[in-house]
Every structure is written in C-alpha cells, then in structure tokens.
Amino acid sequence: GEYDVSDKIVVPDGYAIISIKGELEGTTDEDVTITVTCGVDARGNDNGNPTEEPDGIPDVFQPIVTYIVTGGTWQENGSTVKEVVFNLVDEQGNPVTPTLNGTIPTPVVQRMVRAGLAQLLRLIQR
C-alpha cells in the first residue's frame, strides 16, 4: 500500500536532524525502515556570534573559532577574546562554504605595547 511519513518525524527538544535515510513516502507491501540521525542543537549563530538558543542546525556543523589578542583588546567587544561561529550546513542540511569575510576582529593595541614595539624595531634596525 501507499505510505507517507514525512510529517510524522518528531525531533526531540535540543536536537536537530543530521540526516534521513530511507524513503519517506512511496508504495510497498513490505516493512520500510527509515533512519533519522539527530545531533545536539544547544547553540545558534547570530551573524557569526554564538548564542545559547538552538537554531535548527546541529552544533557539530557549527565550529567556533576563538580569536585571542595579547597586549590589547578587540575593537568589536573590548575583550581579549572574540568567538565566531561558522555554519558548515544550512537549515536543510545542505553543505555551505563558510567565509571569513567580516569575521576577523580588529585588534586595538595598548599604547604601552605600541611604544615597546617601536623601541624593539629601533633596536633591530641598529
């Protein structure tokens, strides 16, 4: 007989679908096996900023890159640490190519460090 289970898949809270194997609809007189693989979805991506709200993309496909500055801060957040999350797939699970455009923070070097660098450069040039 005919079957259609496409609207019967229920994803547990805190998870998102990674893959579905098997036909969700069709005609058969035999048992059908459909395998749904889910992954934890505890964080999200708000324009590159990690959030604590799920966004429908499994976290395994959202690596976080941590930028650390020494002797200064990041212009964007005034901190020494800046985290950026990248999506490797979209909400439908299709691969996407992440880009660094606009994600690399701008360092603000402290005045003392700048003066120290200038002195170091003078020593090197001698």
PDB file of N, CA and C in Angstrom:
ATOM      1  N   GLY A   1       0.796  -1.169   0.000  1.00  0.00           N
ATOM      2  CA  GLY A   1       0.000   0.000   0.000  1.00  0.00           C
ATOM      3  C   GLY A   1       0.859   1.263   0.000  1.00  0.00           C
ATOM      4  N   GLU A   2       0.187   2.369  -0.102  1.00  0.00           N
ATOM      5  CA  GLU A   2       0.875   3.663  -0.102  1.00  0.00           C
ATOM      6  C   GLU A   2       1.163   4.107   1.321  1.00  0.00           C
ATOM      7  N   TYR A   3       2.266   4.823   1.474  1.00  0.00           N
ATOM      8  CA  TYR A   3       2.622   5.373   2.789  1.00  0.00           C
ATOM      9  C   TYR A   3       3.267   6.740   2.613  1.00  0.00           C
ATOM     10  N   ASP A   4       3.139   7.576   3.631  1.00  0.00           N
ATOM     11  CA  ASP A   4       3.777   8.891   3.664  1.00  0.00           C
ATOM     12  C   ASP A   4       3.999   9.248   5.138  1.00  0.00           C
ATOM     13  N   VAL A   5       5.256   9.224   5.563  1.00  0.00           N
ATOM     14  CA  VAL A   5       5.579   9.525   6.959  1.00  0.00           C
ATOM     15  C   VAL A   5       6.345  10.845   7.087  1.00  0.00           C
ATOM     16  N   SER A   6       6.367  11.631   6.015  1.00  0.00           N
ATOM     17  CA  SER A   6       7.164  12.864   6.025  1.00  0.00           C
ATOM     18  C   SER A   6       6.732  13.833   7.116  1.00  0.00           C
ATOM     19  N   ASP A   7       5.463  13.794   7.523  1.00  0.00           N
ATOM     20  CA  ASP A   7       5.011  14.703   8.580  1.00  0.00           C
ATOM     21  C   ASP A   7       4.965  14.031   9.949  1.00  0.00           C
ATOM     22  N   LYS A   8       5.509  12.815  10.024  1.00  0.00           N
ATOM     23  CA  LYS A   8       5.470  12.067  11.285  1.00  0.00           C
ATOM     24  C   LYS A   8       6.796  12.093  12.046  1.00  0.00           C
ATOM     25  N   ILE A   9       7.824  12.671  11.444  1.00  0.00           N
ATOM     26  CA  ILE A   9       9.139  12.706  12.092  1.00  0.00           C
ATOM     27  C   ILE A   9       9.128  13.763  13.189  1.00  0.00           C
ATOM     28  N   VAL A  10       9.451  13.353  14.398  1.00  0.00           N
ATOM     29  CA  VAL A  10       9.483  14.259  15.539  1.00  0.00           C
ATOM     30  C   VAL A  10      10.916  14.300  16.068  1.00  0.00           C
ATOM     31  N   VAL A  11      11.467  15.501  16.127  1.00  0.00           N
ATOM     32  CA  VAL A  11      12.834  15.684  16.627  1.00  0.00           C
ATOM     33  C   VAL A  11      12.742  16.087  18.090  1.00  0.00           C
ATOM     34  N   PRO A  12      13.475  15.373  18.967  1.00  0.00           N
ATOM     35  CA  PRO A  12      13.435  15.737  20.399  1.00  0.00           C
ATOM     36  C   PRO A  12      13.945  17.165  20.628  1.00  0.00           C
ATOM     37  N   ASP A  13      13.429  17.806  21.661  1.00  0.00           N
ATOM     38  CA  ASP A  13      13.906  19.148  22.025  1.00  0.00           C
ATOM     39  C   ASP A  13      15.410  19.120  22.240  1.00  0.00           C
ATOM     40  N   GLY A  14      16.089  20.149  21.765  1.00  0.00           N
ATOM     41  CA  GLY A  14      17.535  20.244  21.936  1.00  0.00           C
ATOM     42  C   GLY A  14      18.320  19.509  20.866  1.00  0.00           C
ATOM     43  N   TYR A  15      17.634  18.992  19.845  1.00  0.00           N
ATOM     44  CA  TYR A  15      18.283  18.266  18.753  1.00  0.00           C
ATOM     45  C   TYR A  15      17.823  18.813  17.417  1.00  0.00           C
ATOM     46  N   ALA A  16      18.616  18.538  16.374  1.00  0.00           N
ATOM     47  CA  ALA A  16      18.263  18.888  15.003  1.00  0.00           C
ATOM     48  C   ALA A  16      18.646  17.713  14.113  1.00  0.00           C
ATOM     49  N   ILE A  17      17.968  17.576  13.002  1.00  0.00           N
ATOM     50  CA  ILE A  17      18.206  16.452  12.085  1.00  0.00           C
ATOM     51  C   ILE A  17      19.537  16.618  11.376  1.00  0.00           C
ATOM     52  N   ILE A  18      20.328  15.540  11.377  1.00  0.00           N
ATOM     53  CA  ILE A  18      21.568  15.481  10.603  1.00  0.00           C
ATOM     54  C   ILE A  18      21.285  14.830   9.254  1.00  0.00           C
ATOM     55  N   SER A  19      20.579  13.698   9.264  1.00  0.00           N
ATOM     56  CA  SER A  19      20.283  13.006   8.007  1.00  0.00           C
ATOM     57  C   SER A  19      19.056  12.119   8.157  1.00  0.00           C
ATOM     58  N   ILE A  20      18.452  11.821   7.022  1.00  0.00           N
ATOM     59  CA  ILE A  20      17.334  10.878   6.951  1.00  0.00           C
ATOM     60  C   ILE A  20      17.671   9.894   5.845  1.00  0.00           C
ATOM     61  N   LYS A  21      17.667   8.599   6.179  1.00  0.00           N
ATOM     62  CA  LYS A  21      17.938   7.548   5.188  1.00  0.00           C
ATOM     63  C   LYS A  21      16.683   6.710   5.038  1.00  0.00           C
ATOM     64  N   GLY A  22      16.279   6.496   3.824  1.00  0.00           N
ATOM     65  CA  GLY A  22      15.076   5.737   3.533  1.00  0.00           C
ATOM     66  C   GLY A  22      14.054   6.639   2.864  1.00  0.00           C
ATOM     67  N   GLU A  23      13.103   6.026   2.214  1.00  0.00           N
ATOM     68  CA  GLU A  23      12.056   6.762   1.509  1.00  0.00           C
ATOM     69  C   GLU A  23      10.936   7.129   2.475  1.00  0.00           C
ATOM     70  N   LEU A  24      10.617   8.412   2.557  1.00  0.00           N
ATOM     71  CA  LEU A  24       9.574   8.883   3.463  1.00  0.00           C
ATOM     72  C   LEU A  24       8.169   8.644   2.907  1.00  0.00           C
ATOM     73  N   GLU A  25       8.084   8.414   1.618  1.00  0.00           N
ATOM     74  CA  GLU A  25       6.793   8.120   1.015  1.00  0.00           C
ATOM     75  C   GLU A  25       6.988   7.180  -0.161  1.00  0.00           C
ATOM     76  N   GLY A  26       5.955   6.447  -0.461  1.00  0.00           N
ATOM     77  CA  GLY A  26       6.029   5.514  -1.576  1.00  0.00           C
ATOM     78  C   GLY A  26       4.937   4.466  -1.500  1.00  0.00           C
ATOM     79  N   THR A  27       5.149   3.383  -2.222  1.00  0.00           N
ATOM     80  CA  THR A  27       4.213   2.266  -2.245  1.00  0.00           C
ATOM     81  C   THR A  27       4.986   0.989  -1.996  1.00  0.00           C
ATOM     82  N   THR A  28       4.504   0.159  -1.077  1.00  0.00           N
ATOM     83  CA  THR A  28       5.168  -1.098  -0.770  1.00  0.00           C
ATOM     84  C   THR A  28       4.204  -2.020  -0.037  1.00  0.00           C
ATOM     85  N   ASP A  29       4.498  -3.292  -0.116  1.00  0.00           N
ATOM     86  CA  ASP A  29       3.736  -4.282   0.647  1.00  0.00           C
ATOM     87  C   ASP A  29       4.604  -4.878   1.745  1.00  0.00           C
ATOM     88  N   GLU A  30       5.800  -4.312   1.930  1.00  0.00           N
ATOM     89  CA  GLU A  30       6.743  -4.816   2.931  1.00  0.00           C
ATOM     90  C   GLU A  30       7.011  -3.729   3.976  1.00  0.00           C
ATOM     91  N   ASP A  31       7.669  -4.137   5.061  1.00  0.00           N
ATOM     92  CA  ASP A  31       8.089  -3.161   6.067  1.00  0.00           C
ATOM     93  C   ASP A  31       9.113  -2.201   5.461  1.00  0.00           C
ATOM     94  N   VAL A  32       9.092  -0.973   5.899  1.00  0.00           N
ATOM     95  CA  VAL A  32      10.020   0.050   5.438  1.00  0.00           C
ATOM     96  C   VAL A  32      10.818   0.549   6.637  1.00  0.00           C
ATOM     97  N   THR A  33      12.124   0.675   6.466  1.00  0.00           N
ATOM     98  CA  THR A  33      12.974   1.204   7.531  1.00  0.00           C
ATOM     99  C   THR A  33      13.447   2.599   7.140  1.00  0.00           C
ATOM    100  N   ILE A  34      13.213   3.524   8.030  1.00  0.00           N
ATOM    101  CA  ILE A  34      13.676   4.896   7.839  1.00  0.00           C
ATOM    102  C   ILE A  34      14.537   5.235   9.051  1.00  0.00           C
ATOM    103  N   THR A  35      15.753   5.712   8.799  1.00  0.00           N
ATOM    104  CA  THR A  35      16.668   6.058   9.881  1.00  0.00           C
ATOM    105  C   THR A  35      16.848   7.567   9.924  1.00  0.00           C
ATOM    106  N   VAL A  36      16.518   8.152  11.070  1.00  0.00           N
ATOM    107  CA  VAL A  36      16.691   9.590  11.268  1.00  0.00           C
ATOM    108  C   VAL A  36      17.822   9.780  12.270  1.00  0.00           C
ATOM    109  N   THR A  37      18.872  10.479  11.852  1.00  0.00           N
ATOM    110  CA  THR A  37      20.006  10.753  12.726  1.00  0.00           C
ATOM    111  C   THR A  37      19.943  12.215  13.158  1.00  0.00           C
ATOM    112  N   CYS A  38      20.002  12.429  14.465  1.00  0.00           N
ATOM    113  CA  CYS A  38      19.932  13.789  15.007  1.00  0.00           C
ATOM    114  C   CYS A  38      21.216  14.114  15.765  1.00  0.00           C
ATOM    115  N   GLY A  39      21.492  15.389  15.900  1.00  0.00           N
ATOM    116  CA  GLY A  39      22.627  15.859  16.684  1.00  0.00           C
ATOM    117  C   GLY A  39      22.176  16.951  17.633  1.00  0.00           C
ATOM    118  N   VAL A  40      22.924  17.133  18.680  1.00  0.00           N
ATOM    119  CA  VAL A  40      22.614  18.154  19.678  1.00  0.00           C
ATOM    120  C   VAL A  40      22.595  19.530  19.018  1.00  0.00           C
ATOM    121  N   ASP A  41      21.593  20.322  19.366  1.00  0.00           N
ATOM    122  CA  ASP A  41      21.475  21.699  18.889  1.00  0.00           C
ATOM    123  C   ASP A  41      21.240  22.592  20.102  1.00  0.00           C
ATOM    124  N   ALA A  42      22.339  22.909  20.793  1.00  0.00           N
ATOM    125  CA  ALA A  42      22.234  23.703  22.028  1.00  0.00           C
ATOM    126  C   ALA A  42      22.566  25.174  21.798  1.00  0.00           C
ATOM    127  N   ARG A  43      23.232  25.487  20.682  1.00  0.00           N
ATOM    128  CA  ARG A  43      23.617  26.877  20.435  1.00  0.00           C
ATOM    129  C   ARG A  43      23.201  27.276  19.021  1.00  0.00           C
ATOM    130  N   GLY A  44      23.257  28.568  18.801  1.00  0.00           N
ATOM    131  CA  GLY A  44      22.894  29.088  17.494  1.00  0.00           C
ATOM    132  C   GLY A  44      23.945  30.037  16.959  1.00  0.00           C
ATOM    133  N   ASN A  45      23.611  30.669  15.850  1.00  0.00           N
ATOM    134  CA  ASN A  45      24.521  31.573  15.169  1.00  0.00           C
ATOM    135  C   ASN A  45      23.753  32.847  14.836  1.00  0.00           C
ATOM    136  N   ASP A  46      24.134  33.949  15.475  1.00  0.00           N
ATOM    137  CA  ASP A  46      23.520  35.240  15.207  1.00  0.00           C
ATOM    138  C   ASP A  46      24.549  36.104  14.484  1.00  0.00           C
ATOM    139  N   ASN A  47      24.562  36.013  13.163  1.00  0.00           N
ATOM    140  CA  ASN A  47      25.533  36.754  12.337  1.00  0.00           C
ATOM    141  C   ASN A  47      26.967  36.521  12.782  1.00  0.00           C
ATOM    142  N   GLY A  48      27.309  35.270  13.077  1.00  0.00           N
ATOM    143  CA  GLY A  48      28.663  34.925  13.479  1.00  0.00           C
ATOM    144  C   GLY A  48      28.884  34.896  14.972  1.00  0.00           C
ATOM    145  N   ASN A  49      27.947  35.442  15.738  1.00  0.00           N
ATOM    146  CA  ASN A  49      28.079  35.437  17.195  1.00  0.00           C
ATOM    147  C   ASN A  49      27.357  34.225  17.771  1.00  0.00           C
ATOM    148  N   PRO A  50      28.066  33.401  18.571  1.00  0.00           N
ATOM    149  CA  PRO A  50      27.409  32.239  19.169  1.00  0.00           C
ATOM    150  C   PRO A  50      26.305  32.675  20.134  1.00  0.00           C
ATOM    151  N   THR A  51      25.180  31.961  20.100  1.00  0.00           N
ATOM    152  CA  THR A  51      24.087  32.219  21.024  1.00  0.00           C
ATOM    153  C   THR A  51      23.804  30.947  21.817  1.00  0.00           C
ATOM    154  N   GLU A  52      23.038  31.074  22.863  1.00  0.00           N
ATOM    155  CA  GLU A  52      22.679  29.909  23.674  1.00  0.00           C
ATOM    156  C   GLU A  52      21.302  29.382  23.304  1.00  0.00           C
ATOM    157  N   GLU A  53      20.786  29.802  22.148  1.00  0.00           N
ATOM    158  CA  GLU A  53      19.488  29.339  21.669  1.00  0.00           C
ATOM    159  C   GLU A  53      19.694  28.439  20.457  1.00  0.00           C
ATOM    160  N   PRO A  54      19.024  27.276  20.409  1.00  0.00           N
ATOM    161  CA  PRO A  54      19.136  26.409  19.238  1.00  0.00           C
ATOM    162  C   PRO A  54      18.613  27.102  17.980  1.00  0.00           C
ATOM    163  N   ASP A  55      19.194  26.716  16.822  1.00  0.00           N
ATOM    164  CA  ASP A  55      18.798  27.359  15.570  1.00  0.00           C
ATOM    165  C   ASP A  55      18.431  26.374  14.470  1.00  0.00           C
ATOM    166  N   GLY A  56      18.278  25.090  14.817  1.00  0.00           N
ATOM    167  CA  GLY A  56      17.892  24.105  13.813  1.00  0.00           C
ATOM    168  C   GLY A  56      19.059  23.483  13.075  1.00  0.00           C
ATOM    169  N   ILE A  57      20.278  23.866  13.424  1.00  0.00           N
ATOM    170  CA  ILE A  57      21.480  23.272  12.819  1.00  0.00           C
ATOM    171  C   ILE A  57      22.245  22.557  13.925  1.00  0.00           C
ATOM    172  N   PRO A  58      22.542  21.258  13.744  1.00  0.00           N
ATOM    173  CA  PRO A  58      23.300  20.538  14.782  1.00  0.00           C
ATOM    174  C   PRO A  58      24.636  21.231  15.063  1.00  0.00           C
ATOM    175  N   ASP A  59      24.984  21.322  16.340  1.00  0.00           N
ATOM    176  CA  ASP A  59      26.210  22.021  16.757  1.00  0.00           C
ATOM    177  C   ASP A  59      27.470  21.438  16.126  1.00  0.00           C
ATOM    178  N   VAL A  60      27.439  20.157  15.788  1.00  0.00           N
ATOM    179  CA  VAL A  60      28.606  19.519  15.176  1.00  0.00           C
ATOM    180  C   VAL A  60      28.963  20.185  13.838  1.00  0.00           C
ATOM    181  N   PHE A  61      27.985  20.861  13.213  1.00  0.00           N
ATOM    182  CA  PHE A  61      28.214  21.558  11.955  1.00  0.00           C
ATOM    183  C   PHE A  61      28.388  23.061  12.150  1.00  0.00           C
ATOM    184  N   GLN A  62      28.666  23.478  13.395  1.00  0.00           N
ATOM    185  CA  GLN A  62      28.867  24.894  13.695  1.00  0.00           C
ATOM    186  C   GLN A  62      30.115  25.081  14.565  1.00  0.00           C
ATOM    187  N   PRO A  63      31.294  24.952  13.965  1.00  0.00           N
ATOM    188  CA  PRO A  63      32.510  25.146  14.761  1.00  0.00           C
ATOM    189  C   PRO A  63      32.637  26.596  15.222  1.00  0.00           C
ATOM    190  N   ILE A  64      33.242  26.754  16.386  1.00  0.00           N
ATOM    191  CA  ILE A  64      33.510  28.096  16.927  1.00  0.00           C
ATOM    192  C   ILE A  64      35.009  28.346  16.851  1.00  0.00           C
ATOM    193  N   VAL A  65      35.376  29.470  16.254  1.00  0.00           N
ATOM    194  CA  VAL A  65      36.773  29.901  16.182  1.00  0.00           C
ATOM    195  C   VAL A  65      36.960  30.964  17.249  1.00  0.00           C
ATOM    196  N   THR A  66      38.005  30.807  18.062  1.00  0.00           N
ATOM    197  CA  THR A  66      38.283  31.766  19.127  1.00  0.00           C
ATOM    198  C   THR A  66      39.521  32.573  18.754  1.00  0.00           C
ATOM    199  N   TYR A  67      39.351  33.890  18.643  1.00  0.00           N
ATOM    200  CA  TYR A  67      40.460  34.808  18.392  1.00  0.00           C
ATOM    201  C   TYR A  67      40.893  35.371  19.742  1.00  0.00           C
ATOM    202  N   ILE A  68      42.203  35.373  20.004  1.00  0.00           N
ATOM    203  CA  ILE A  68      42.732  35.895  21.264  1.00  0.00           C
ATOM    204  C   ILE A  68      43.791  36.946  20.937  1.00  0.00           C
ATOM    205  N   VAL A  69      43.707  38.099  21.596  1.00  0.00           N
ATOM    206  CA  VAL A  69      44.698  39.156  21.408  1.00  0.00           C
ATOM    207  C   VAL A  69      45.488  39.302  22.713  1.00  0.00           C
ATOM    208  N   THR A  70      46.783  39.494  22.573  1.00  0.00           N
ATOM    209  CA  THR A  70      47.646  39.718  23.729  1.00  0.00           C
ATOM    210  C   THR A  70      48.183  41.138  23.646  1.00  0.00           C
ATOM    211  N   GLY A  71      48.121  41.865  24.756  1.00  0.00           N
ATOM    212  CA  GLY A  71      48.630  43.230  24.773  1.00  0.00           C
ATOM    213  C   GLY A  71      47.639  44.233  24.203  1.00  0.00           C
ATOM    214  N   GLY A  72      46.364  43.902  24.251  1.00  0.00           N
ATOM    215  CA  GLY A  72      45.344  44.809  23.734  1.00  0.00           C
ATOM    216  C   GLY A  72      43.970  44.188  23.886  1.00  0.00           C
ATOM    217  N   THR A  73      43.020  44.687  23.118  1.00  0.00           N
ATOM    218  CA  THR A  73      41.652  44.166  23.128  1.00  0.00           C
ATOM    219  C   THR A  73      41.147  44.121  21.694  1.00  0.00           C
ATOM    220  N   TRP A  74      39.991  43.505  21.500  1.00  0.00           N
ATOM    221  CA  TRP A  74      39.331  43.522  20.199  1.00  0.00           C
ATOM    222  C   TRP A  74      38.428  44.739  20.147  1.00  0.00           C
ATOM    223  N   GLN A  75      38.488  45.457  19.042  1.00  0.00           N
ATOM    224  CA  GLN A  75      37.688  46.660  18.854  1.00  0.00           C
ATOM    225  C   GLN A  75      36.192  46.338  18.958  1.00  0.00           C
ATOM    226  N   GLU A  76      35.786  45.168  18.472  1.00  0.00           N
ATOM    227  CA  GLU A  76      34.367  44.820  18.404  1.00  0.00           C
ATOM    228  C   GLU A  76      33.716  44.626  19.772  1.00  0.00           C
ATOM    229  N   ASN A  77      34.471  44.097  20.755  1.00  0.00           N
ATOM    230  CA  ASN A  77      33.831  43.809  22.043  1.00  0.00           C
ATOM    231  C   ASN A  77      34.627  44.278  23.259  1.00  0.00           C
ATOM    232  N   GLY A  78      35.770  44.919  23.053  1.00  0.00           N
ATOM    233  CA  GLY A  78      36.560  45.436  24.168  1.00  0.00           C
ATOM    234  C   GLY A  78      37.160  44.349  25.039  1.00  0.00           C
ATOM    235  N   SER A  79      37.177  43.136  24.561  1.00  0.00           N
ATOM    236  CA  SER A  79      37.686  41.993  25.322  1.00  0.00           C
ATOM    237  C   SER A  79      38.956  41.471  24.669  1.00  0.00           C
ATOM    238  N   THR A  80      39.649  40.567  25.357  1.00  0.00           N
ATOM    239  CA  THR A  80      40.830  39.939  24.774  1.00  0.00           C
ATOM    240  C   THR A  80      40.459  38.680  23.985  1.00  0.00           C
ATOM    241  N   VAL A  81      39.192  38.252  24.098  1.00  0.00           N
ATOM    242  CA  VAL A  81      38.725  37.048  23.414  1.00  0.00           C
ATOM    243  C   VAL A  81      37.515  37.390  22.559  1.00  0.00           C
ATOM    244  N   LYS A  82      37.493  36.861  21.345  1.00  0.00           N
ATOM    245  CA  LYS A  82      36.336  37.032  20.453  1.00  0.00           C
ATOM    246  C   LYS A  82      36.034  35.672  19.829  1.00  0.00           C
ATOM    247  N   GLU A  83      34.792  35.206  19.993  1.00  0.00           N
ATOM    248  CA  GLU A  83      34.387  33.932  19.404  1.00  0.00           C
ATOM    249  C   GLU A  83      33.486  34.184  18.204  1.00  0.00           C
ATOM    250  N   VAL A  84      33.712  33.386  17.142  1.00  0.00           N
ATOM    251  CA  VAL A  84      32.910  33.475  15.931  1.00  0.00           C
ATOM    252  C   VAL A  84      32.472  32.067  15.565  1.00  0.00           C
ATOM    253  N   VAL A  85      31.180  31.900  15.272  1.00  0.00           N
ATOM    254  CA  VAL A  85      30.658  30.594  14.878  1.00  0.00           C
ATOM    255  C   VAL A  85      30.426  30.580  13.365  1.00  0.00           C
ATOM    256  N   PHE A  86      30.757  29.453  12.750  1.00  0.00           N
ATOM    257  CA  PHE A  86      30.591  29.274  11.307  1.00  0.00           C
ATOM    258  C   PHE A  86      29.608  28.141  11.048  1.00  0.00           C
ATOM    259  N   ASN A  87      28.690  28.330  10.111  1.00  0.00           N
ATOM    260  CA  ASN A  87      27.793  27.260   9.695  1.00  0.00           C
ATOM    261  C   ASN A  87      28.440  26.498   8.544  1.00  0.00           C
ATOM    262  N   LEU A  88      28.515  25.160   8.677  1.00  0.00           N
ATOM    263  CA  LEU A  88      29.039  24.326   7.600  1.00  0.00           C
ATOM    264  C   LEU A  88      27.915  23.742   6.757  1.00  0.00           C
ATOM    265  N   VAL A  89      26.668  23.818   7.288  1.00  0.00           N
ATOM    266  CA  VAL A  89      25.474  23.408   6.544  1.00  0.00           C
ATOM    267  C   VAL A  89      24.378  24.441   6.808  1.00  0.00           C
ATOM    268  N   ASP A  90      23.360  24.449   5.941  1.00  0.00           N
ATOM    269  CA  ASP A  90      22.212  25.322   6.175  1.00  0.00           C
ATOM    270  C   ASP A  90      21.137  24.556   6.949  1.00  0.00           C
ATOM    271  N   GLU A  91      19.972  25.176   7.167  1.00  0.00           N
ATOM    272  CA  GLU A  91      18.914  24.547   7.959  1.00  0.00           C
ATOM    273  C   GLU A  91      18.384  23.268   7.329  1.00  0.00           C
ATOM    274  N   GLN A  92      18.569  23.094   6.012  1.00  0.00           N
ATOM    275  CA  GLN A  92      18.128  21.883   5.333  1.00  0.00           C
ATOM    276  C   GLN A  92      19.220  20.816   5.295  1.00  0.00           C
ATOM    277  N   GLY A  93      20.384  21.119   5.872  1.00  0.00           N
ATOM    278  CA  GLY A  93      21.477  20.154   5.894  1.00  0.00           C
ATOM    279  C   GLY A  93      22.367  20.189   4.670  1.00  0.00           C
ATOM    280  N   ASN A  94      22.163  21.170   3.789  1.00  0.00           N
ATOM    281  CA  ASN A  94      22.996  21.293   2.593  1.00  0.00           C
ATOM    282  C   ASN A  94      24.326  21.943   2.950  1.00  0.00           C
ATOM    283  N   PRO A  95      25.447  21.384   2.458  1.00  0.00           N
ATOM    284  CA  PRO A  95      26.752  21.986   2.759  1.00  0.00           C
ATOM    285  C   PRO A  95      26.843  23.421   2.244  1.00  0.00           C
ATOM    286  N   VAL A  96      27.476  24.274   3.019  1.00  0.00           N
ATOM    287  CA  VAL A  96      27.742  25.648   2.610  1.00  0.00           C
ATOM    288  C   VAL A  96      29.227  25.918   2.815  1.00  0.00           C
ATOM    289  N   THR A  97      29.749  26.862   2.075  1.00  0.00           N
ATOM    290  CA  THR A  97      31.154  27.235   2.206  1.00  0.00           C
ATOM    291  C   THR A  97      31.249  28.420   3.147  1.00  0.00           C
ATOM    292  N   PRO A  98      31.824  28.217   4.346  1.00  0.00           N
ATOM    293  CA  PRO A  98      31.953  29.355   5.265  1.00  0.00           C
ATOM    294  C   PRO A  98      32.970  30.356   4.732  1.00  0.00           C
ATOM    295  N   THR A  99      32.784  31.591   5.096  1.00  0.00           N
ATOM    296  CA  THR A  99      33.689  32.649   4.666  1.00  0.00           C
ATOM    297  C   THR A  99      34.181  33.425   5.887  1.00  0.00           C
ATOM    298  N   LEU A 100      35.385  33.922   5.805  1.00  0.00           N
ATOM    299  CA  LEU A 100      35.943  34.723   6.895  1.00  0.00           C
ATOM    300  C   LEU A 100      35.584  36.196   6.759  1.00  0.00           C
ATOM    301  N   ASN A 101      34.953  36.578   5.651  1.00  0.00           N
ATOM    302  CA  ASN A 101      34.621  37.997   5.423  1.00  0.00           C
ATOM    303  C   ASN A 101      33.885  38.576   6.620  1.00  0.00           C
ATOM    304  N   GLY A 102      34.459  39.611   7.200  1.00  0.00           N
ATOM    305  CA  GLY A 102      33.808  40.310   8.294  1.00  0.00           C
ATOM    306  C   GLY A 102      33.877  39.611   9.631  1.00  0.00           C
ATOM    307  N   THR A 103      34.558  38.469   9.726  1.00  0.00           N
ATOM    308  CA  THR A 103      34.589  37.754  10.997  1.00  0.00           C
ATOM    309  C   THR A 103      35.883  37.964  11.767  1.00  0.00           C
ATOM    310  N   ILE A 104      36.944  38.356  11.091  1.00  0.00           N
ATOM    311  CA  ILE A 104      38.216  38.546  11.785  1.00  0.00           C
ATOM    312  C   ILE A 104      38.163  39.879  12.525  1.00  0.00           C
ATOM    313  N   PRO A 105      38.258  39.853  13.852  1.00  0.00           N
ATOM    314  CA  PRO A 105      38.135  41.096  14.618  1.00  0.00           C
ATOM    315  C   PRO A 105      39.340  42.015  14.417  1.00  0.00           C
ATOM    316  N   THR A 106      39.154  43.278  14.776  1.00  0.00           N
ATOM    317  CA  THR A 106      40.198  44.292  14.663  1.00  0.00           C
ATOM    318  C   THR A 106      40.851  44.486  16.024  1.00  0.00           C
ATOM    319  N   PRO A 107      42.175  44.233  16.137  1.00  0.00           N
ATOM    320  CA  PRO A 107      42.825  44.422  17.435  1.00  0.00           C
ATOM    321  C   PRO A 107      43.064  45.895  17.742  1.00  0.00           C
ATOM    322  N   VAL A 108      42.972  46.232  19.016  1.00  0.00           N
ATOM    323  CA  VAL A 108      43.325  47.567  19.498  1.00  0.00           C
ATOM    324  C   VAL A 108      44.511  47.355  20.431  1.00  0.00           C
ATOM    325  N   VAL A 109      45.699  47.738  19.968  1.00  0.00           N
ATOM    326  CA  VAL A 109      46.914  47.519  20.743  1.00  0.00           C
ATOM    327  C   VAL A 109      47.042  48.622  21.772  1.00  0.00           C
ATOM    328  N   GLN A 110      47.379  48.245  22.983  1.00  0.00           N
ATOM    329  CA  GLN A 110      47.548  49.238  24.045  1.00  0.00           C
ATOM    330  C   GLN A 110      48.756  50.118  23.755  1.00  0.00           C
ATOM    331  N   ARG A 111      48.696  51.365  24.200  1.00  0.00           N
ATOM    332  CA  ARG A 111      49.736  52.343  23.914  1.00  0.00           C
ATOM    333  C   ARG A 111      51.109  51.847  24.366  1.00  0.00           C
ATOM    334  N   MET A 112      51.200  51.258  25.558  1.00  0.00           N
ATOM    335  CA  MET A 112      52.475  50.791  26.079  1.00  0.00           C
ATOM    336  C   MET A 112      53.077  49.722  25.163  1.00  0.00           C
ATOM    337  N   VAL A 113      52.254  48.862  24.657  1.00  0.00           N
ATOM    338  CA  VAL A 113      52.739  47.810  23.761  1.00  0.00           C
ATOM    339  C   VAL A 113      53.242  48.424  22.468  1.00  0.00           C
ATOM    340  N   ARG A 114      52.502  49.411  21.939  1.00  0.00           N
ATOM    341  CA  ARG A 114      52.936  50.073  20.706  1.00  0.00           C
ATOM    342  C   ARG A 114      54.293  50.743  20.905  1.00  0.00           C
ATOM    343  N   ALA A 115      54.466  51.420  22.034  1.00  0.00           N
ATOM    344  CA  ALA A 115      55.743  52.087  22.315  1.00  0.00           C
ATOM    345  C   ALA A 115      56.845  51.047  22.427  1.00  0.00           C
ATOM    346  N   GLY A 116      56.556  49.915  23.068  1.00  0.00           N
ATOM    347  CA  GLY A 116      57.540  48.846  23.197  1.00  0.00           C
ATOM    348  C   GLY A 116      57.921  48.279  21.844  1.00  0.00           C
ATOM    349  N   LEU A 117      56.943  48.145  20.944  1.00  0.00           N
ATOM    350  CA  LEU A 117      57.234  47.650  19.597  1.00  0.00           C
ATOM    351  C   LEU A 117      58.109  48.636  18.841  1.00  0.00           C
ATOM    352  N   ALA A 118      57.847  49.925  19.000  1.00  0.00           N
ATOM    353  CA  ALA A 118      58.660  50.942  18.328  1.00  0.00           C
ATOM    354  C   ALA A 118      60.111  50.872  18.815  1.00  0.00           C
ATOM    355  N   GLN A 119      60.305  50.706  20.132  1.00  0.00           N
ATOM    356  CA  GLN A 119      61.658  50.583  20.678  1.00  0.00           C
ATOM    357  C   GLN A 119      62.326  49.314  20.156  1.00  0.00           C
ATOM    358  N   LEU A 120      61.604  48.235  20.088  1.00  0.00           N
ATOM    359  CA  LEU A 120      62.149  46.972  19.592  1.00  0.00           C
ATOM    360  C   LEU A 120      62.577  47.122  18.137  1.00  0.00           C
ATOM    361  N   LEU A 121      61.753  47.775  17.331  1.00  0.00           N
ATOM    362  CA  LEU A 121      62.107  47.973  15.926  1.00  0.00           C
ATOM    363  C   LEU A 121      63.370  48.814  15.794  1.00  0.00           C
ATOM    364  N   ARG A 122      63.526  49.858  16.641  1.00  0.00           N
ATOM    365  CA  ARG A 122      64.737  50.684  16.613  1.00  0.00           C
ATOM    366  C   ARG A 122      65.982  49.852  16.947  1.00  0.00           C
ATOM    367  N   LEU A 123      65.836  48.952  17.933  1.00  0.00           N
ATOM    368  CA  LEU A 123      66.956  48.090  18.311  1.00  0.00           C
ATOM    369  C   LEU A 123      67.329  47.143  17.174  1.00  0.00           C
ATOM    370  N   ILE A 124      66.332  46.626  16.519  1.00  0.00           N
ATOM    371  CA  ILE A 124      66.578  45.677  15.423  1.00  0.00           C
ATOM    372  C   ILE A 124      67.261  46.372  14.250  1.00  0.00           C
ATOM    373  N   GLN A 125      66.918  47.618  14.003  1.00  0.00           N
ATOM    374  CA  GLN A 125      67.477  48.341  12.862  1.00  0.00           C
ATOM    375  C   GLN A 125      68.919  48.753  13.090  1.00  0.00           C
ATOM    376  N   ARG A 126      69.404  48.718  14.334  1.00  0.00           N
ATOM    377  CA  ARG A 126      70.785  49.138  14.618  1.00  0.00           C
ATOM    378  C   ARG A 126      71.772  48.154  14.141  1.00  0.00           C
TER     379      ARG A 126
END
